[in-house]
Amino acid sequence: MIEVSPKELYNFLSGQKIKYFFYANTVKTSCTLIGQNREQKYQQLEMVHLSKGQKLSRLKELSKMYDLFAPIQVTYKESQSLKGLVKMRYDKEHTDGSSKSPN
């Protein structure tokens, strides 16, 4: 096997007007850079997707909690709108184990 330095190879190829080697090397470098850029973009999209999935899960949980809280909220708002003895009577009628005010 003959050992050739990169400089000798360059001189030979450029002297013989062989440009395909340089073109192929440039294409290979470009493809490598494109691949690296796409990998970075893929990782960024993956992180965005995961964060959106977590947000969606959180919103689903909040929706379930709101469904449980909605009847209590109506009673609480009605109680807050009343005053005096009427409020006390309303609170007594509507206070049971399942519907307590949020405070």
N, C-alpha and C. Protein backbone atom coordinates (compact mmCIF):
# COMPACT_ATOMS: atom_id res chain seq x y z
N MET A 1 0.85 -1.17 0.00
CA MET A 1 0.00 0.00 0.00
C MET A 1 0.90 1.24 0.00
N ILE A 2 0.56 2.20 -0.82
CA ILE A 2 1.33 3.41 -0.94
C ILE A 2 0.73 4.46 -0.02
N GLU A 3 1.57 5.09 0.77
CA GLU A 3 1.11 6.16 1.65
C GLU A 3 1.29 7.49 0.94
N VAL A 4 0.22 8.26 0.95
CA VAL A 4 0.23 9.56 0.30
C VAL A 4 -0.28 10.59 1.32
N SER A 5 0.44 11.67 1.43
CA SER A 5 0.00 12.71 2.35
C SER A 5 -1.18 13.45 1.74
N PRO A 6 -1.99 14.07 2.56
CA PRO A 6 -3.13 14.82 2.05
C PRO A 6 -2.72 15.93 1.08
N LYS A 7 -1.59 16.55 1.35
CA LYS A 7 -1.13 17.63 0.47
C LYS A 7 -0.76 17.08 -0.91
N GLU A 8 -0.09 15.93 -0.93
CA GLU A 8 0.28 15.30 -2.22
C GLU A 8 -0.98 14.88 -2.97
N LEU A 9 -1.94 14.35 -2.26
CA LEU A 9 -3.20 13.95 -2.89
C LEU A 9 -3.90 15.16 -3.48
N TYR A 10 -3.93 16.23 -2.72
CA TYR A 10 -4.55 17.47 -3.21
C TYR A 10 -3.85 17.97 -4.46
N ASN A 11 -2.53 18.00 -4.43
CA ASN A 11 -1.78 18.47 -5.60
C ASN A 11 -2.03 17.59 -6.81
N PHE A 12 -2.07 16.26 -6.58
CA PHE A 12 -2.32 15.35 -7.70
C PHE A 12 -3.70 15.57 -8.30
N LEU A 13 -4.71 15.62 -7.42
CA LEU A 13 -6.08 15.75 -7.91
C LEU A 13 -6.31 17.10 -8.59
N SER A 14 -5.75 18.16 -8.01
CA SER A 14 -5.94 19.47 -8.63
C SER A 14 -5.11 19.59 -9.91
N GLY A 15 -3.96 18.96 -9.96
CA GLY A 15 -3.12 19.00 -11.16
C GLY A 15 -3.75 18.21 -12.30
N GLN A 16 -4.45 17.17 -11.99
CA GLN A 16 -5.08 16.34 -13.01
C GLN A 16 -6.48 16.84 -13.36
N LYS A 17 -6.88 17.93 -12.73
CA LYS A 17 -8.20 18.53 -12.95
C LYS A 17 -9.34 17.56 -12.57
N ILE A 18 -9.06 16.81 -11.52
CA ILE A 18 -10.09 15.90 -11.00
C ILE A 18 -10.83 16.65 -9.90
N LYS A 19 -12.00 17.09 -10.19
CA LYS A 19 -12.75 17.91 -9.24
C LYS A 19 -13.87 17.14 -8.56
N TYR A 20 -14.17 15.97 -9.08
CA TYR A 20 -15.27 15.20 -8.50
C TYR A 20 -14.99 14.86 -7.04
N PHE A 21 -13.75 14.54 -6.71
CA PHE A 21 -13.39 14.18 -5.35
C PHE A 21 -13.73 15.32 -4.39
N PHE A 22 -13.38 16.53 -4.77
CA PHE A 22 -13.66 17.68 -3.92
C PHE A 22 -15.16 17.93 -3.82
N TYR A 23 -15.85 17.75 -4.94
CA TYR A 23 -17.30 17.92 -4.94
C TYR A 23 -17.94 16.89 -4.02
N ALA A 24 -17.50 15.63 -4.13
CA ALA A 24 -18.06 14.57 -3.30
C ALA A 24 -17.77 14.83 -1.83
N ASN A 25 -16.57 15.30 -1.54
CA ASN A 25 -16.22 15.60 -0.16
C ASN A 25 -17.08 16.75 0.39
N THR A 26 -17.33 17.76 -0.45
CA THR A 26 -18.18 18.89 -0.05
C THR A 26 -19.61 18.42 0.19
N VAL A 27 -20.10 17.56 -0.70
CA VAL A 27 -21.46 17.03 -0.54
C VAL A 27 -21.56 16.22 0.74
N LYS A 28 -20.54 15.40 1.02
CA LYS A 28 -20.55 14.59 2.23
C LYS A 28 -20.57 15.49 3.47
N THR A 29 -19.76 16.53 3.47
CA THR A 29 -19.73 17.46 4.59
C THR A 29 -21.08 18.15 4.75
N SER A 30 -21.66 18.57 3.63
CA SER A 30 -22.97 19.24 3.67
C SER A 30 -24.04 18.30 4.22
N CYS A 31 -24.00 17.05 3.76
CA CYS A 31 -24.99 16.08 4.24
C CYS A 31 -24.83 15.83 5.74
N THR A 32 -23.60 15.80 6.21
CA THR A 32 -23.35 15.61 7.63
C THR A 32 -23.93 16.78 8.43
N LEU A 33 -23.69 18.00 7.94
CA LEU A 33 -24.23 19.18 8.62
C LEU A 33 -25.75 19.19 8.61
N ILE A 34 -26.33 18.83 7.47
CA ILE A 34 -27.79 18.77 7.38
C ILE A 34 -28.34 17.75 8.35
N GLY A 35 -27.68 16.59 8.43
CA GLY A 35 -28.12 15.56 9.36
C GLY A 35 -28.06 16.03 10.80
N GLN A 36 -26.99 16.74 11.15
CA GLN A 36 -26.87 17.26 12.51
C GLN A 36 -27.94 18.31 12.79
N ASN A 37 -28.21 19.17 11.82
CA ASN A 37 -29.26 20.19 11.99
C ASN A 37 -30.63 19.55 12.16
N ARG A 38 -30.88 18.51 11.39
CA ARG A 38 -32.18 17.84 11.51
C ARG A 38 -32.31 17.14 12.85
N GLU A 39 -31.22 16.57 13.33
CA GLU A 39 -31.25 15.91 14.63
C GLU A 39 -31.55 16.92 15.73
N GLN A 40 -30.94 18.09 15.66
CA GLN A 40 -31.22 19.14 16.65
C GLN A 40 -32.68 19.57 16.56
N LYS A 41 -33.18 19.76 15.35
CA LYS A 41 -34.56 20.18 15.15
C LYS A 41 -35.52 19.11 15.69
N TYR A 42 -35.19 17.83 15.44
CA TYR A 42 -36.01 16.74 15.94
C TYR A 42 -36.05 16.75 17.47
N GLN A 43 -34.90 16.98 18.11
CA GLN A 43 -34.86 17.01 19.56
C GLN A 43 -35.68 18.19 20.10
N GLN A 44 -35.61 19.33 19.42
CA GLN A 44 -36.41 20.48 19.85
C GLN A 44 -37.90 20.17 19.72
N LEU A 45 -38.30 19.58 18.60
CA LEU A 45 -39.71 19.24 18.41
C LEU A 45 -40.17 18.21 19.43
N GLU A 46 -39.30 17.28 19.75
CA GLU A 46 -39.63 16.26 20.74
C GLU A 46 -39.88 16.90 22.11
N MET A 47 -39.05 17.87 22.48
CA MET A 47 -39.23 18.56 23.75
C MET A 47 -40.55 19.35 23.76
N VAL A 48 -40.86 20.02 22.64
CA VAL A 48 -42.11 20.77 22.54
C VAL A 48 -43.29 19.82 22.65
N HIS A 49 -43.19 18.68 21.97
CA HIS A 49 -44.27 17.69 22.00
C HIS A 49 -44.48 17.17 23.43
N LEU A 50 -43.39 16.86 24.11
CA LEU A 50 -43.51 16.36 25.48
C LEU A 50 -44.10 17.42 26.40
N SER A 51 -43.67 18.66 26.25
CA SER A 51 -44.21 19.70 27.12
C SER A 51 -45.70 19.93 26.83
N LYS A 52 -46.09 19.84 25.56
CA LYS A 52 -47.52 20.00 25.23
C LYS A 52 -48.32 18.82 25.77
N GLY A 53 -47.74 17.63 25.75
CA GLY A 53 -48.41 16.47 26.31
C GLY A 53 -48.62 16.62 27.81
N GLN A 54 -47.61 17.16 28.49
CA GLN A 54 -47.73 17.39 29.92
C GLN A 54 -48.79 18.45 30.20
N LYS A 55 -48.82 19.50 29.40
CA LYS A 55 -49.83 20.55 29.58
C LYS A 55 -51.23 19.99 29.35
N LEU A 56 -51.37 19.14 28.33
CA LEU A 56 -52.67 18.54 28.04
C LEU A 56 -53.13 17.66 29.20
N SER A 57 -52.21 16.88 29.76
CA SER A 57 -52.56 16.04 30.91
C SER A 57 -53.01 16.90 32.09
N ARG A 58 -52.29 17.98 32.32
CA ARG A 58 -52.65 18.89 33.42
C ARG A 58 -54.03 19.50 33.19
N LEU A 59 -54.32 19.91 31.95
CA LEU A 59 -55.63 20.49 31.66
C LEU A 59 -56.74 19.46 31.82
N LYS A 60 -56.48 18.21 31.47
CA LYS A 60 -57.49 17.17 31.66
C LYS A 60 -57.78 16.98 33.15
N GLU A 61 -56.72 16.98 33.96
CA GLU A 61 -56.92 16.85 35.41
C GLU A 61 -57.69 18.05 35.96
N LEU A 62 -57.34 19.25 35.50
CA LEU A 62 -58.06 20.44 35.96
C LEU A 62 -59.52 20.40 35.54
N SER A 63 -59.79 19.87 34.36
CA SER A 63 -61.17 19.75 33.88
C SER A 63 -61.97 18.81 34.79
N LYS A 64 -61.35 17.71 35.18
CA LYS A 64 -62.02 16.77 36.08
C LYS A 64 -62.31 17.44 37.43
N MET A 65 -61.33 18.17 37.93
CA MET A 65 -61.51 18.84 39.20
C MET A 65 -62.60 19.91 39.10
N TYR A 66 -62.64 20.63 37.99
CA TYR A 66 -63.67 21.65 37.81
C TYR A 66 -65.06 21.02 37.78
N ASP A 67 -65.18 19.87 37.12
CA ASP A 67 -66.47 19.18 37.09
C ASP A 67 -66.93 18.81 38.50
N LEU A 68 -65.98 18.45 39.36
CA LEU A 68 -66.34 18.12 40.74
C LEU A 68 -66.68 19.37 41.54
N PHE A 69 -66.05 20.48 41.21
CA PHE A 69 -66.20 21.72 41.97
C PHE A 69 -67.41 22.56 41.53
N ALA A 70 -67.89 22.38 40.30
CA ALA A 70 -68.95 23.23 39.73
C ALA A 70 -70.20 23.31 40.61
N PRO A 71 -70.74 22.19 41.10
CA PRO A 71 -71.95 22.31 41.94
C PRO A 71 -71.68 23.07 43.24
N ILE A 72 -70.50 22.88 43.80
CA ILE A 72 -70.15 23.57 45.04
C ILE A 72 -70.02 25.07 44.77
N GLN A 73 -69.48 25.40 43.62
CA GLN A 73 -69.27 26.80 43.27
C GLN A 73 -70.61 27.55 43.16
N VAL A 74 -71.60 26.90 42.58
CA VAL A 74 -72.93 27.53 42.45
C VAL A 74 -73.51 27.82 43.84
N THR A 75 -73.43 26.84 44.72
CA THR A 75 -73.94 27.02 46.09
C THR A 75 -73.18 28.12 46.81
N TYR A 76 -71.88 28.14 46.65
CA TYR A 76 -71.04 29.15 47.32
C TYR A 76 -71.38 30.56 46.83
N LYS A 77 -71.53 30.73 45.52
CA LYS A 77 -71.86 32.05 44.97
C LYS A 77 -73.23 32.52 45.46
N GLU A 78 -74.18 31.60 45.51
CA GLU A 78 -75.52 31.95 46.00
C GLU A 78 -75.44 32.36 47.47
N SER A 79 -74.67 31.62 48.24
CA SER A 79 -74.51 31.94 49.65
C SER A 79 -73.86 33.31 49.84
N GLN A 80 -72.90 33.65 49.02
CA GLN A 80 -72.21 34.94 49.13
C GLN A 80 -73.12 36.11 48.75
N SER A 81 -74.11 35.83 47.91
CA SER A 81 -75.01 36.92 47.49
C SER A 81 -76.06 37.24 48.57
N LEU A 82 -76.28 36.34 49.51
CA LEU A 82 -77.28 36.55 50.57
C LEU A 82 -76.66 37.20 51.80
N LYS A 83 -77.53 37.77 52.66
CA LYS A 83 -77.04 38.44 53.87
C LYS A 83 -77.94 38.09 55.05
N GLY A 84 -77.36 38.18 56.20
CA GLY A 84 -78.11 38.05 57.45
C GLY A 84 -78.67 36.67 57.70
N LEU A 85 -79.92 36.67 58.23
CA LEU A 85 -80.58 35.41 58.59
C LEU A 85 -80.87 34.53 57.39
N VAL A 86 -81.15 35.18 56.24
CA VAL A 86 -81.43 34.41 55.02
C VAL A 86 -80.18 33.61 54.63
N LYS A 87 -79.01 34.24 54.76
CA LYS A 87 -77.74 33.57 54.43
C LYS A 87 -77.52 32.40 55.39
N MET A 88 -77.77 32.62 56.68
CA MET A 88 -77.57 31.55 57.67
C MET A 88 -78.47 30.36 57.37
N ARG A 89 -79.75 30.65 57.05
CA ARG A 89 -80.69 29.58 56.74
C ARG A 89 -80.27 28.84 55.47
N TYR A 90 -79.89 29.60 54.43
CA TYR A 90 -79.45 28.98 53.16
C TYR A 90 -78.22 28.10 53.41
N ASP A 91 -77.25 28.61 54.17
CA ASP A 91 -76.04 27.84 54.46
C ASP A 91 -76.37 26.56 55.23
N LYS A 92 -77.30 26.67 56.17
CA LYS A 92 -77.68 25.49 56.96
C LYS A 92 -78.37 24.45 56.08
N GLU A 93 -79.22 24.90 55.17
CA GLU A 93 -79.92 23.98 54.28
C GLU A 93 -78.98 23.29 53.28
N HIS A 94 -77.98 24.04 52.84
CA HIS A 94 -77.11 23.51 51.78
C HIS A 94 -75.77 23.00 52.26
N THR A 95 -75.56 22.96 53.55
CA THR A 95 -74.31 22.44 54.08
C THR A 95 -74.50 20.97 54.40
N ASP A 96 -73.78 20.16 53.66
CA ASP A 96 -73.73 18.73 53.97
C ASP A 96 -72.30 18.27 53.67
N GLY A 97 -72.04 17.02 53.77
CA GLY A 97 -70.67 16.50 53.58
C GLY A 97 -70.10 16.71 52.19
N SER A 98 -70.97 16.85 51.18
CA SER A 98 -70.46 16.92 49.80
C SER A 98 -70.31 18.34 49.26
N SER A 99 -71.01 19.31 49.86
CA SER A 99 -70.93 20.66 49.31
C SER A 99 -70.55 21.67 50.37
N LYS A 100 -69.28 21.77 50.67
CA LYS A 100 -68.79 22.76 51.61
C LYS A 100 -68.17 23.89 50.82
N SER A 101 -68.20 25.07 51.42
CA SER A 101 -67.63 26.23 50.72
C SER A 101 -66.11 26.04 50.57
N PRO A 102 -65.51 26.62 49.51
CA PRO A 102 -64.07 26.42 49.30
C PRO A 102 -63.19 27.07 50.35
N ASN A 103 -63.74 27.98 51.15
CA ASN A 103 -62.91 28.66 52.17
C ASN A 103 -62.88 27.88 53.44
